[in-house]
Amino acid sequence: REKLSIPEAQVEEAIAHLRSYPHIEEVAIISTCNRLEIYS
């Protein structure tokens, strides 16, 4: 889990990266000590 944790300071970059993929239109990221979930 810690390898995949996305701190708040990195969320903007992660959203931009994910939005650059051809099939992803919307994206939201939940990152806590117990989960990382990407909704799209």
Full PDB file with SEQRES, HELIX, SHEET, SSBOND, CRYST1, ORIGX, SCALE, CONECT and MASTER records, all heavy atoms in Angstrom:
SEQRES   1 A   40  ARG GLU LYS LEU SER ILE PRO GLU ALA GLN VAL GLU GLU          
SEQRES   2 A   40  ALA ILE ALA HIS LEU ARG SER TYR PRO HIS ILE GLU GLU          
SEQRES   3 A   40  VAL ALA ILE ILE SER THR CYS ASN ARG LEU GLU ILE TYR          
SEQRES   4 A   40  SER                                                          
HELIX    1 AA1 GLU A    8  ARG A   19  1                                  12    
SHEET    1 AA1 2 ALA A  28  SER A  31  0                                        
SHEET    2 AA1 2 LEU A  36  TYR A  39 -1                                        
CRYST1    1.000    1.000    1.000  90.00  90.00  90.00 P 1           1          
ORIGX1      1.000000  0.000000  0.000000        0.00000                         
ORIGX2      0.000000  1.000000  0.000000        0.00000                         
ORIGX3      0.000000  0.000000  1.000000        0.00000                         
SCALE1      1.000000  0.000000  0.000000        0.00000                         
SCALE2      0.000000  1.000000  0.000000        0.00000                         
SCALE3      0.000000  0.000000  1.000000        0.00000                         
ATOM      1  N   ARG A   1       0.824  -1.212   0.000  1.00  0.00           N  
ATOM      2  CA  ARG A   1       0.000   0.000   0.000  1.00  0.00           C  
ATOM      3  C   ARG A   1       0.857   1.260   0.000  1.00  0.00           C  
ATOM      4  O   ARG A   1       0.522   2.245  -0.657  1.00  0.00           O  
ATOM      5  CB  ARG A   1      -0.953   0.009   1.208  1.00  0.00           C  
ATOM      6  CG  ARG A   1      -1.959  -1.128   1.204  1.00  0.00           C  
ATOM      7  CD  ARG A   1      -3.159  -0.847   2.097  1.00  0.00           C  
ATOM      8  NE  ARG A   1      -2.862  -0.501   3.453  1.00  0.00           N  
ATOM      9  CZ  ARG A   1      -2.685  -1.377   4.448  1.00  0.00           C  
ATOM     10  NH1 ARG A   1      -2.723  -2.675   4.198  1.00  0.00           N  
ATOM     11  NH2 ARG A   1      -2.455  -0.964   5.681  1.00  0.00           N  
ATOM     12  N   GLU A   2       1.962   1.239   0.740  1.00  0.00           N  
ATOM     13  CA  GLU A   2       2.771   2.456   0.813  1.00  0.00           C  
ATOM     14  C   GLU A   2       3.450   2.767  -0.523  1.00  0.00           C  
ATOM     15  O   GLU A   2       3.715   3.932  -0.831  1.00  0.00           O  
ATOM     16  CB  GLU A   2       3.797   2.352   1.934  1.00  0.00           C  
ATOM     17  CG  GLU A   2       4.893   1.338   1.731  1.00  0.00           C  
ATOM     18  CD  GLU A   2       5.813   1.245   2.943  1.00  0.00           C  
ATOM     19  OE1 GLU A   2       5.573   1.972   3.927  1.00  0.00           O  
ATOM     20  OE2 GLU A   2       6.763   0.427   2.910  1.00  0.00           O  
ATOM     21  N   LYS A   3       3.714   1.756  -1.338  1.00  0.00           N  
ATOM     22  CA  LYS A   3       4.308   1.996  -2.657  1.00  0.00           C  
ATOM     23  C   LYS A   3       3.344   2.727  -3.581  1.00  0.00           C  
ATOM     24  O   LYS A   3       3.759   3.443  -4.495  1.00  0.00           O  
ATOM     25  CB  LYS A   3       4.704   0.666  -3.310  1.00  0.00           C  
ATOM     26  CG  LYS A   3       5.902  -0.013  -2.665  1.00  0.00           C  
ATOM     27  CD  LYS A   3       6.209  -1.320  -3.380  1.00  0.00           C  
ATOM     28  CE  LYS A   3       7.378  -2.043  -2.722  1.00  0.00           C  
ATOM     29  NZ  LYS A   3       7.645  -3.350  -3.381  1.00  0.00           N  
ATOM     30  N   LEU A   4       2.049   2.545  -3.337  1.00  0.00           N  
ATOM     31  CA  LEU A   4       1.042   3.124  -4.215  1.00  0.00           C  
ATOM     32  C   LEU A   4       0.352   4.341  -3.617  1.00  0.00           C  
ATOM     33  O   LEU A   4      -0.558   4.903  -4.221  1.00  0.00           O  
ATOM     34  CB  LEU A   4       0.003   2.052  -4.572  1.00  0.00           C  
ATOM     35  CG  LEU A   4       0.546   0.989  -5.529  1.00  0.00           C  
ATOM     36  CD1 LEU A   4      -0.225  -0.301  -5.415  1.00  0.00           C  
ATOM     37  CD2 LEU A   4       0.516   1.496  -6.951  1.00  0.00           C  
ATOM     38  N   SER A   5       0.746   4.728  -2.416  1.00  0.00           N  
ATOM     39  CA  SER A   5       0.132   5.892  -1.781  1.00  0.00           C  
ATOM     40  C   SER A   5       0.375   7.148  -2.620  1.00  0.00           C  
ATOM     41  O   SER A   5       1.457   7.364  -3.159  1.00  0.00           O  
ATOM     42  CB  SER A   5       0.739   6.081  -0.382  1.00  0.00           C  
ATOM     43  OG  SER A   5       0.261   7.263   0.214  1.00  0.00           O  
ATOM     44  N   ILE A   6      -0.675   7.971  -2.762  1.00  0.00           N  
ATOM     45  CA  ILE A   6      -0.565   9.226  -3.504  1.00  0.00           C  
ATOM     46  C   ILE A   6      -0.877  10.373  -2.537  1.00  0.00           C  
ATOM     47  O   ILE A   6      -2.048  10.651  -2.262  1.00  0.00           O  
ATOM     48  CB  ILE A   6      -1.527   9.255  -4.709  1.00  0.00           C  
ATOM     49  CG1 ILE A   6      -1.220   8.087  -5.654  1.00  0.00           C  
ATOM     50  CG2 ILE A   6      -1.426  10.594  -5.453  1.00  0.00           C  
ATOM     51  CD1 ILE A   6      -2.143   8.005  -6.855  1.00  0.00           C  
ATOM     52  N   PRO A   7       0.142  11.030  -1.988  1.00  0.00           N  
ATOM     53  CA  PRO A   7      -0.099  12.154  -1.071  1.00  0.00           C  
ATOM     54  C   PRO A   7      -0.865  13.272  -1.783  1.00  0.00           C  
ATOM     55  O   PRO A   7      -0.839  13.377  -3.014  1.00  0.00           O  
ATOM     56  CB  PRO A   7       1.314  12.613  -0.688  1.00  0.00           C  
ATOM     57  CG  PRO A   7       2.210  11.458  -1.022  1.00  0.00           C  
ATOM     58  CD  PRO A   7       1.576  10.763  -2.177  1.00  0.00           C  
ATOM     59  N   GLU A   8      -1.507  14.120  -0.991  1.00  0.00           N  
ATOM     60  CA  GLU A   8      -2.321  15.198  -1.571  1.00  0.00           C  
ATOM     61  C   GLU A   8      -1.504  16.088  -2.508  1.00  0.00           C  
ATOM     62  O   GLU A   8      -2.010  16.553  -3.534  1.00  0.00           O  
ATOM     63  CB  GLU A   8      -2.930  16.029  -0.445  1.00  0.00           C  
ATOM     64  CG  GLU A   8      -3.964  17.034  -0.913  1.00  0.00           C  
ATOM     65  CD  GLU A   8      -4.718  17.682   0.234  1.00  0.00           C  
ATOM     66  OE1 GLU A   8      -5.066  16.973   1.213  1.00  0.00           O  
ATOM     67  OE2 GLU A   8      -4.965  18.898   0.157  1.00  0.00           O  
ATOM     68  N   ALA A   9      -0.244  16.282  -2.187  1.00  0.00           N  
ATOM     69  CA  ALA A   9       0.606  17.148  -3.020  1.00  0.00           C  
ATOM     70  C   ALA A   9       0.848  16.558  -4.412  1.00  0.00           C  
ATOM     71  O   ALA A   9       1.233  17.275  -5.336  1.00  0.00           O  
ATOM     72  CB  ALA A   9       1.944  17.382  -2.323  1.00  0.00           C  
ATOM     73  N   GLN A  10       0.623  15.254  -4.569  1.00  0.00           N  
ATOM     74  CA  GLN A  10       0.856  14.601  -5.859  1.00  0.00           C  
ATOM     75  C   GLN A  10      -0.423  14.325  -6.643  1.00  0.00           C  
ATOM     76  O   GLN A  10      -0.379  13.786  -7.753  1.00  0.00           O  
ATOM     77  CB  GLN A  10       1.609  13.284  -5.643  1.00  0.00           C  
ATOM     78  CG  GLN A  10       2.992  13.439  -5.037  1.00  0.00           C  
ATOM     79  CD  GLN A  10       3.648  12.109  -4.735  1.00  0.00           C  
ATOM     80  OE1 GLN A  10       3.227  11.059  -5.228  1.00  0.00           O  
ATOM     81  NE2 GLN A  10       4.681  12.127  -3.903  1.00  0.00           N  
ATOM     82  N   VAL A  11      -1.570  14.675  -6.074  1.00  0.00           N  
ATOM     83  CA  VAL A  11      -2.850  14.347  -6.707  1.00  0.00           C  
ATOM     84  C   VAL A  11      -3.019  15.067  -8.045  1.00  0.00           C  
ATOM     85  O   VAL A  11      -3.484  14.480  -9.034  1.00  0.00           O  
ATOM     86  CB  VAL A  11      -4.030  14.671  -5.762  1.00  0.00           C  
ATOM     87  CG1 VAL A  11      -5.370  14.599  -6.504  1.00  0.00           C  
ATOM     88  CG2 VAL A  11      -4.044  13.696  -4.594  1.00  0.00           C  
ATOM     89  N   GLU A  12      -2.653  16.346  -8.097  1.00  0.00           N  
ATOM     90  CA  GLU A  12      -2.806  17.095  -9.349  1.00  0.00           C  
ATOM     91  C   GLU A  12      -2.047  16.423 -10.493  1.00  0.00           C  
ATOM     92  O   GLU A  12      -2.591  16.228 -11.593  1.00  0.00           O  
ATOM     93  CB  GLU A  12      -2.318  18.534  -9.170  1.00  0.00           C  
ATOM     94  CG  GLU A  12      -2.481  19.373 -10.437  1.00  0.00           C  
ATOM     95  CD  GLU A  12      -2.037  20.811 -10.249  1.00  0.00           C  
ATOM     96  OE1 GLU A  12      -1.377  21.118  -9.232  1.00  0.00           O  
ATOM     97  OE2 GLU A  12      -2.364  21.648 -11.121  1.00  0.00           O  
ATOM     98  N   GLU A  13      -0.796  16.051 -10.228  1.00  0.00           N  
ATOM     99  CA  GLU A  13       0.022  15.405 -11.253  1.00  0.00           C  
ATOM    100  C   GLU A  13      -0.576  14.052 -11.650  1.00  0.00           C  
ATOM    101  O   GLU A  13      -0.615  13.698 -12.832  1.00  0.00           O  
ATOM    102  CB  GLU A  13       1.444  15.199 -10.716  1.00  0.00           C  
ATOM    103  CG  GLU A  13       2.390  14.537 -11.709  1.00  0.00           C  
ATOM    104  CD  GLU A  13       3.745  14.242 -11.098  1.00  0.00           C  
ATOM    105  OE1 GLU A  13       3.997  14.661  -9.954  1.00  0.00           O  
ATOM    106  OE2 GLU A  13       4.557  13.580 -11.787  1.00  0.00           O  
ATOM    107  N   ALA A  14      -1.059  13.295 -10.655  1.00  0.00           N  
ATOM    108  CA  ALA A  14      -1.631  11.974 -10.943  1.00  0.00           C  
ATOM    109  C   ALA A  14      -2.892  12.084 -11.794  1.00  0.00           C  
ATOM    110  O   ALA A  14      -3.083  11.311 -12.741  1.00  0.00           O  
ATOM    111  CB  ALA A  14      -1.938  11.246  -9.633  1.00  0.00           C  
ATOM    112  N   ILE A  15      -3.752  13.057 -11.479  1.00  0.00           N  
ATOM    113  CA  ILE A  15      -4.979  13.250 -12.268  1.00  0.00           C  
ATOM    114  C   ILE A  15      -4.627  13.632 -13.702  1.00  0.00           C  
ATOM    115  O   ILE A  15      -5.195  13.095 -14.660  1.00  0.00           O  
ATOM    116  CB  ILE A  15      -5.882  14.315 -11.610  1.00  0.00           C  
ATOM    117  CG1 ILE A  15      -6.529  13.743 -10.345  1.00  0.00           C  
ATOM    118  CG2 ILE A  15      -6.958  14.798 -12.588  1.00  0.00           C  
ATOM    119  CD1 ILE A  15      -7.372  14.742  -9.571  1.00  0.00           C  
ATOM    120  N   ALA A  16      -3.674  14.542 -13.852  1.00  0.00           N  
ATOM    121  CA  ALA A  16      -3.271  14.969 -15.191  1.00  0.00           C  
ATOM    122  C   ALA A  16      -2.706  13.794 -15.994  1.00  0.00           C  
ATOM    123  O   ALA A  16      -3.001  13.636 -17.188  1.00  0.00           O  
ATOM    124  CB  ALA A  16      -2.239  16.086 -15.089  1.00  0.00           C  
ATOM    125  N   HIS A  17      -1.904  12.971 -15.328  1.00  0.00           N  
ATOM    126  CA  HIS A  17      -1.321  11.794 -15.986  1.00  0.00           C  
ATOM    127  C   HIS A  17      -2.419  10.835 -16.443  1.00  0.00           C  
ATOM    128  O   HIS A  17      -2.424  10.373 -17.589  1.00  0.00           O  
ATOM    129  CB  HIS A  17      -0.361  11.095 -15.011  1.00  0.00           C  
ATOM    130  CG  HIS A  17       0.483  10.036 -15.648  1.00  0.00           C  
ATOM    131  ND1 HIS A  17       1.704   9.644 -15.133  1.00  0.00           N  
ATOM    132  CD2 HIS A  17       0.290   9.265 -16.745  1.00  0.00           C  
ATOM    133  CE1 HIS A  17       2.217   8.694 -15.890  1.00  0.00           C  
ATOM    134  NE2 HIS A  17       1.370   8.439 -16.874  1.00  0.00           N  
ATOM    135  N   LEU A  18      -3.339  10.538 -15.554  1.00  0.00           N  
ATOM    136  CA  LEU A  18      -4.425   9.614 -15.890  1.00  0.00           C  
ATOM    137  C   LEU A  18      -5.322  10.170 -16.992  1.00  0.00           C  
ATOM    138  O   LEU A  18      -5.752   9.434 -17.894  1.00  0.00           O  
ATOM    139  CB  LEU A  18      -5.250   9.305 -14.636  1.00  0.00           C  
ATOM    140  CG  LEU A  18      -4.576   8.355 -13.641  1.00  0.00           C  
ATOM    141  CD1 LEU A  18      -5.204   8.475 -12.261  1.00  0.00           C  
ATOM    142  CD2 LEU A  18      -4.648   6.911 -14.136  1.00  0.00           C  
ATOM    143  N   ARG A  19      -5.597  11.473 -16.938  1.00  0.00           N  
ATOM    144  CA  ARG A  19      -6.451  12.083 -17.965  1.00  0.00           C  
ATOM    145  C   ARG A  19      -5.784  12.082 -19.343  1.00  0.00           C  
ATOM    146  O   ARG A  19      -6.454  12.230 -20.364  1.00  0.00           O  
ATOM    147  CB  ARG A  19      -6.790  13.525 -17.581  1.00  0.00           C  
ATOM    148  CG  ARG A  19      -7.807  13.692 -16.463  1.00  0.00           C  
ATOM    149  CD  ARG A  19      -9.219  13.268 -16.863  1.00  0.00           C  
ATOM    150  NE  ARG A  19      -9.672  13.883 -18.085  1.00  0.00           N  
ATOM    151  CZ  ARG A  19     -10.202  15.096 -18.170  1.00  0.00           C  
ATOM    152  NH1 ARG A  19     -10.337  15.828 -17.073  1.00  0.00           N  
ATOM    153  NH2 ARG A  19     -10.601  15.577 -19.329  1.00  0.00           N  
ATOM    154  N   SER A  20      -4.462  11.901 -19.374  1.00  0.00           N  
ATOM    155  CA  SER A  20      -3.751  11.896 -20.658  1.00  0.00           C  
ATOM    156  C   SER A  20      -3.928  10.582 -21.412  1.00  0.00           C  
ATOM    157  O   SER A  20      -3.647  10.514 -22.604  1.00  0.00           O  
ATOM    158  CB  SER A  20      -2.259  12.166 -20.436  1.00  0.00           C  
ATOM    159  OG  SER A  20      -1.621  11.051 -19.818  1.00  0.00           O  
ATOM    160  N   TYR A  21      -4.397   9.548 -20.717  1.00  0.00           N  
ATOM    161  CA  TYR A  21      -4.626   8.266 -21.395  1.00  0.00           C  
ATOM    162  C   TYR A  21      -5.831   8.399 -22.330  1.00  0.00           C  
ATOM    163  O   TYR A  21      -6.800   9.109 -22.014  1.00  0.00           O  
ATOM    164  CB  TYR A  21      -4.863   7.154 -20.387  1.00  0.00           C  
ATOM    165  CG  TYR A  21      -3.625   6.689 -19.664  1.00  0.00           C  
ATOM    166  CD1 TYR A  21      -3.365   7.089 -18.350  1.00  0.00           C  
ATOM    167  CD2 TYR A  21      -2.709   5.847 -20.277  1.00  0.00           C  
ATOM    168  CE1 TYR A  21      -2.231   6.658 -17.681  1.00  0.00           C  
ATOM    169  CE2 TYR A  21      -1.572   5.410 -19.620  1.00  0.00           C  
ATOM    170  CZ  TYR A  21      -1.337   5.819 -18.315  1.00  0.00           C  
ATOM    171  OH  TYR A  21      -0.206   5.397 -17.653  1.00  0.00           O  
ATOM    172  N   PRO A  22      -5.827   7.698 -23.456  1.00  0.00           N  
ATOM    173  CA  PRO A  22      -6.880   7.900 -24.468  1.00  0.00           C  
ATOM    174  C   PRO A  22      -8.281   7.468 -24.067  1.00  0.00           C  
ATOM    175  O   PRO A  22      -9.257   7.992 -24.596  1.00  0.00           O  
ATOM    176  CB  PRO A  22      -6.382   7.068 -25.669  1.00  0.00           C  
ATOM    177  CG  PRO A  22      -5.388   6.107 -25.099  1.00  0.00           C  
ATOM    178  CD  PRO A  22      -4.759   6.799 -23.936  1.00  0.00           C  
ATOM    179  N   HIS A  23      -8.419   6.525 -23.113  1.00  0.00           N  
ATOM    180  CA  HIS A  23      -9.750   6.014 -22.791  1.00  0.00           C  
ATOM    181  C   HIS A  23     -10.312   6.554 -21.474  1.00  0.00           C  
ATOM    182  O   HIS A  23     -11.409   6.179 -21.071  1.00  0.00           O  
ATOM    183  CB  HIS A  23      -9.724   4.479 -22.754  1.00  0.00           C  
ATOM    184  CG  HIS A  23      -9.438   3.851 -24.081  1.00  0.00           C  
ATOM    185  ND1 HIS A  23      -8.173   3.496 -24.475  1.00  0.00           N  
ATOM    186  CD2 HIS A  23     -10.264   3.571 -25.119  1.00  0.00           C  
ATOM    187  CE1 HIS A  23      -8.224   2.988 -25.700  1.00  0.00           C  
ATOM    188  NE2 HIS A  23      -9.468   3.020 -26.115  1.00  0.00           N  
ATOM    189  N   ILE A  24      -9.564   7.427 -20.788  1.00  0.00           N  
ATOM    190  CA  ILE A  24     -10.009   7.936 -19.488  1.00  0.00           C  
ATOM    191  C   ILE A  24     -10.571   9.343 -19.650  1.00  0.00           C  
ATOM    192  O   ILE A  24      -9.879  10.251 -20.094  1.00  0.00           O  
ATOM    193  CB  ILE A  24      -8.857   7.905 -18.467  1.00  0.00           C  
ATOM    194  CG1 ILE A  24      -8.469   6.455 -18.192  1.00  0.00           C  
ATOM    195  CG2 ILE A  24      -9.250   8.619 -17.178  1.00  0.00           C  
ATOM    196  CD1 ILE A  24      -7.312   6.276 -17.239  1.00  0.00           C  
ATOM    197  N   GLU A  25     -11.836   9.524 -19.273  1.00  0.00           N  
ATOM    198  CA  GLU A  25     -12.514  10.812 -19.445  1.00  0.00           C  
ATOM    199  C   GLU A  25     -12.640  11.596 -18.137  1.00  0.00           C  
ATOM    200  O   GLU A  25     -12.530  12.808 -18.131  1.00  0.00           O  
ATOM    201  CB  GLU A  25     -13.904  10.577 -20.049  1.00  0.00           C  
ATOM    202  CG  GLU A  25     -13.856   9.961 -21.445  1.00  0.00           C  
ATOM    203  CD  GLU A  25     -15.230   9.812 -22.054  1.00  0.00           C  
ATOM    204  OE1 GLU A  25     -16.176   9.460 -21.315  1.00  0.00           O  
ATOM    205  OE2 GLU A  25     -15.372  10.044 -23.265  1.00  0.00           O  
ATOM    206  N   GLU A  26     -12.939  10.915 -17.055  1.00  0.00           N  
ATOM    207  CA  GLU A  26     -13.048  11.546 -15.737  1.00  0.00           C  
ATOM    208  C   GLU A  26     -12.277  10.682 -14.750  1.00  0.00           C  
ATOM    209  O   GLU A  26     -12.194   9.463 -14.914  1.00  0.00           O  
ATOM    210  CB  GLU A  26     -14.509  11.654 -15.278  1.00  0.00           C  
ATOM    211  CG  GLU A  26     -15.416  12.446 -16.195  1.00  0.00           C  
ATOM    212  CD  GLU A  26     -16.852  12.513 -15.650  1.00  0.00           C  
ATOM    213  OE1 GLU A  26     -17.018  12.523 -14.411  1.00  0.00           O  
ATOM    214  OE2 GLU A  26     -17.792  12.547 -16.452  1.00  0.00           O  
ATOM    215  N   VAL A  27     -11.750  11.301 -13.693  1.00  0.00           N  
ATOM    216  CA  VAL A  27     -10.979  10.521 -12.720  1.00  0.00           C  
ATOM    217  C   VAL A  27     -10.999  11.179 -11.347  1.00  0.00           C  
ATOM    218  O   VAL A  27     -11.013  12.404 -11.228  1.00  0.00           O  
ATOM    219  CB  VAL A  27      -9.521  10.317 -13.206  1.00  0.00           C  
ATOM    220  CG1 VAL A  27      -8.767  11.641 -13.260  1.00  0.00           C  
ATOM    221  CG2 VAL A  27      -8.778   9.318 -12.365  1.00  0.00           C  
ATOM    222  N   ALA A  28     -11.035  10.345 -10.303  1.00  0.00           N  
ATOM    223  CA  ALA A  28     -10.942  10.802  -8.916  1.00  0.00           C  
ATOM    224  C   ALA A  28     -10.127   9.778  -8.145  1.00  0.00           C  
ATOM    225  O   ALA A  28     -10.229   8.570  -8.404  1.00  0.00           O  
ATOM    226  CB  ALA A  28     -12.330  10.961  -8.298  1.00  0.00           C  
ATOM    227  N   ILE A  29      -9.341  10.244  -7.171  1.00  0.00           N  
ATOM    228  CA  ILE A  29      -8.403   9.373  -6.463  1.00  0.00           C  
ATOM    229  C   ILE A  29      -8.646   9.458  -4.958  1.00  0.00           C  
ATOM    230  O   ILE A  29      -8.557  10.534  -4.370  1.00  0.00           O  
ATOM    231  CB  ILE A  29      -6.944   9.773  -6.762  1.00  0.00           C  
ATOM    232  CG1 ILE A  29      -6.663   9.667  -8.263  1.00  0.00           C  
ATOM    233  CG2 ILE A  29      -5.972   8.898  -5.971  1.00  0.00           C  
ATOM    234  CD1 ILE A  29      -5.345  10.309  -8.671  1.00  0.00           C  
ATOM    235  N   ILE A  30      -8.951   8.311  -4.341  1.00  0.00           N  
ATOM    236  CA  ILE A  30      -9.005   8.222  -2.879  1.00  0.00           C  
ATOM    237  C   ILE A  30      -7.723   7.540  -2.419  1.00  0.00           C  
ATOM    238  O   ILE A  30      -7.441   6.407  -2.796  1.00  0.00           O  
ATOM    239  CB  ILE A  30     -10.218   7.396  -2.400  1.00  0.00           C  
ATOM    240  CG1 ILE A  30     -11.525   8.073  -2.788  1.00  0.00           C  
ATOM    241  CG2 ILE A  30     -10.160   7.209  -0.881  1.00  0.00           C  
ATOM    242  CD1 ILE A  30     -12.763   7.292  -2.365  1.00  0.00           C  
ATOM    243  N   SER A  31      -6.928   8.242  -1.609  1.00  0.00           N  
ATOM    244  CA  SER A  31      -5.685   7.663  -1.083  1.00  0.00           C  
ATOM    245  C   SER A  31      -5.641   7.879   0.419  1.00  0.00           C  
ATOM    246  O   SER A  31      -5.561   9.014   0.896  1.00  0.00           O  
ATOM    247  CB  SER A  31      -4.464   8.315  -1.754  1.00  0.00           C  
ATOM    248  OG  SER A  31      -3.263   7.724  -1.300  1.00  0.00           O  
ATOM    249  N   THR A  32      -5.733   6.780   1.180  1.00  0.00           N  
ATOM    250  CA  THR A  32      -5.670   6.842   2.643  1.00  0.00           C  
ATOM    251  C   THR A  32      -4.669   5.790   3.120  1.00  0.00           C  
ATOM    252  O   THR A  32      -4.082   5.070   2.320  1.00  0.00           O  
ATOM    253  CB  THR A  32      -7.048   6.553   3.281  1.00  0.00           C  
ATOM    254  OG1 THR A  32      -7.333   5.146   3.163  1.00  0.00           O  
ATOM    255  CG2 THR A  32      -8.150   7.354   2.600  1.00  0.00           C  
ATOM    256  N   CYS A  33      -4.509   5.671   4.435  1.00  0.00           N  
ATOM    257  CA  CYS A  33      -3.561   4.687   4.950  1.00  0.00           C  
ATOM    258  C   CYS A  33      -4.016   3.266   4.654  1.00  0.00           C  
ATOM    259  O   CYS A  33      -3.201   2.343   4.634  1.00  0.00           O  
ATOM    260  CB  CYS A  33      -3.344   4.872   6.451  1.00  0.00           C  
ATOM    261  SG  CYS A  33      -4.831   4.675   7.445  1.00  0.00           S  
ATOM    262  N   ASN A  34      -5.298   3.080   4.415  1.00  0.00           N  
ATOM    263  CA  ASN A  34      -5.814   1.726   4.205  1.00  0.00           C  
ATOM    264  C   ASN A  34      -6.283   1.430   2.787  1.00  0.00           C  
ATOM    265  O   ASN A  34      -6.689   0.302   2.504  1.00  0.00           O  
ATOM    266  CB  ASN A  34      -6.976   1.447   5.173  1.00  0.00           C  
ATOM    267  CG  ASN A  34      -6.472   1.140   6.563  1.00  0.00           C  
ATOM    268  OD1 ASN A  34      -5.462   0.463   6.726  1.00  0.00           O  
ATOM    269  ND2 ASN A  34      -7.144   1.651   7.575  1.00  0.00           N  
ATOM    270  N   ARG A  35      -6.244   2.425   1.882  1.00  0.00           N  
ATOM    271  CA  ARG A  35      -6.721   2.146   0.525  1.00  0.00           C  
ATOM    272  C   ARG A  35      -6.192   3.161  -0.472  1.00  0.00           C  
ATOM    273  O   ARG A  35      -5.899   4.315  -0.125  1.00  0.00           O  
ATOM    274  CB  ARG A  35      -8.251   2.142   0.482  1.00  0.00           C  
ATOM    275  CG  ARG A  35      -8.927   3.500   0.673  1.00  0.00           C  
ATOM    276  CD  ARG A  35     -10.441   3.382   0.704  1.00  0.00           C  
ATOM    277  NE  ARG A  35     -10.865   2.602   1.849  1.00  0.00           N  
ATOM    278  CZ  ARG A  35     -11.358   1.364   1.760  1.00  0.00           C  
ATOM    279  NH1 ARG A  35     -11.496   0.795   0.580  1.00  0.00           N  
ATOM    280  NH2 ARG A  35     -11.717   0.704   2.848  1.00  0.00           N  
ATOM    281  N   LEU A  36      -6.068   2.695  -1.704  1.00  0.00           N  
ATOM    282  CA  LEU A  36      -5.882   3.582  -2.852  1.00  0.00           C  
ATOM    283  C   LEU A  36      -6.901   3.126  -3.882  1.00  0.00           C  
ATOM    284  O   LEU A  36      -6.885   1.967  -4.308  1.00  0.00           O  
ATOM    285  CB  LEU A  36      -4.482   3.501  -3.439  1.00  0.00           C  
ATOM    286  CG  LEU A  36      -4.359   4.275  -4.759  1.00  0.00           C  
ATOM    287  CD1 LEU A  36      -4.336   5.774  -4.503  1.00  0.00           C  
ATOM    288  CD2 LEU A  36      -3.142   3.864  -5.559  1.00  0.00           C  
ATOM    289  N   GLU A  37      -7.794   4.020  -4.274  1.00  0.00           N  
ATOM    290  CA  GLU A  37      -8.835   3.675  -5.244  1.00  0.00           C  
ATOM    291  C   GLU A  37      -8.922   4.763  -6.296  1.00  0.00           C  
ATOM    292  O   GLU A  37      -8.971   5.952  -5.970  1.00  0.00           O  
ATOM    293  CB  GLU A  37     -10.186   3.511  -4.537  1.00  0.00           C  
ATOM    294  CG  GLU A  37     -10.172   2.363  -3.547  1.00  0.00           C  
ATOM    295  CD  GLU A  37     -11.466   2.181  -2.776  1.00  0.00           C  
ATOM    296  OE1 GLU A  37     -12.375   3.040  -2.887  1.00  0.00           O  
ATOM    297  OE2 GLU A  37     -11.572   1.190  -2.040  1.00  0.00           O  
ATOM    298  N   ILE A  38      -8.925   4.347  -7.552  1.00  0.00           N  
ATOM    299  CA  ILE A  38      -9.040   5.285  -8.657  1.00  0.00           C  
ATOM    300  C   ILE A  38     -10.371   5.039  -9.357  1.00  0.00           C  
ATOM    301  O   ILE A  38     -10.615   3.957  -9.897  1.00  0.00           O  
ATOM    302  CB  ILE A  38      -7.872   5.137  -9.650  1.00  0.00           C  
ATOM    303  CG1 ILE A  38      -6.559   5.473  -8.933  1.00  0.00           C  
ATOM    304  CG2 ILE A  38      -8.067   6.037 -10.862  1.00  0.00           C  
ATOM    305  CD1 ILE A  38      -5.326   5.323  -9.785  1.00  0.00           C  
ATOM    306  N   TYR A  39     -11.244   6.046  -9.296  1.00  0.00           N  
ATOM    307  CA  TYR A  39     -12.560   5.989  -9.949  1.00  0.00           C  
ATOM    308  C   TYR A  39     -12.457   6.715 -11.276  1.00  0.00           C  
ATOM    309  O   TYR A  39     -11.828   7.766 -11.384  1.00  0.00           O  
ATOM    310  CB  TYR A  39     -13.617   6.663  -9.063  1.00  0.00           C  
ATOM    311  CG  TYR A  39     -13.892   5.906  -7.783  1.00  0.00           C  
ATOM    312  CD1 TYR A  39     -13.051   6.054  -6.687  1.00  0.00           C  
ATOM    313  CD2 TYR A  39     -14.957   5.026  -7.688  1.00  0.00           C  
ATOM    314  CE1 TYR A  39     -13.274   5.342  -5.517  1.00  0.00           C  
ATOM    315  CE2 TYR A  39     -15.195   4.308  -6.519  1.00  0.00           C  
ATOM    316  CZ  TYR A  39     -14.343   4.462  -5.442  1.00  0.00           C  
ATOM    317  OH  TYR A  39     -14.565   3.743  -4.290  1.00  0.00           O  
ATOM    318  N   SER A  40     -13.109   6.144 -12.289  1.00  0.00           N  
ATOM    319  CA  SER A  40     -12.972   6.754 -13.606  1.00  0.00           C  
ATOM    320  C   SER A  40     -14.203   6.503 -14.464  1.00  0.00           C  
ATOM    321  O   SER A  40     -14.883   5.488 -14.324  1.00  0.00           O  
ATOM    322  CB  SER A  40     -11.735   6.189 -14.310  1.00  0.00           C  
ATOM    323  OG  SER A  40     -11.513   6.844 -15.542  1.00  0.00           O  
TER     324      SER A  40                                                      
MASTER        0    0    0    1    2    0    0    6  323    1    0    4          
END                                                                             
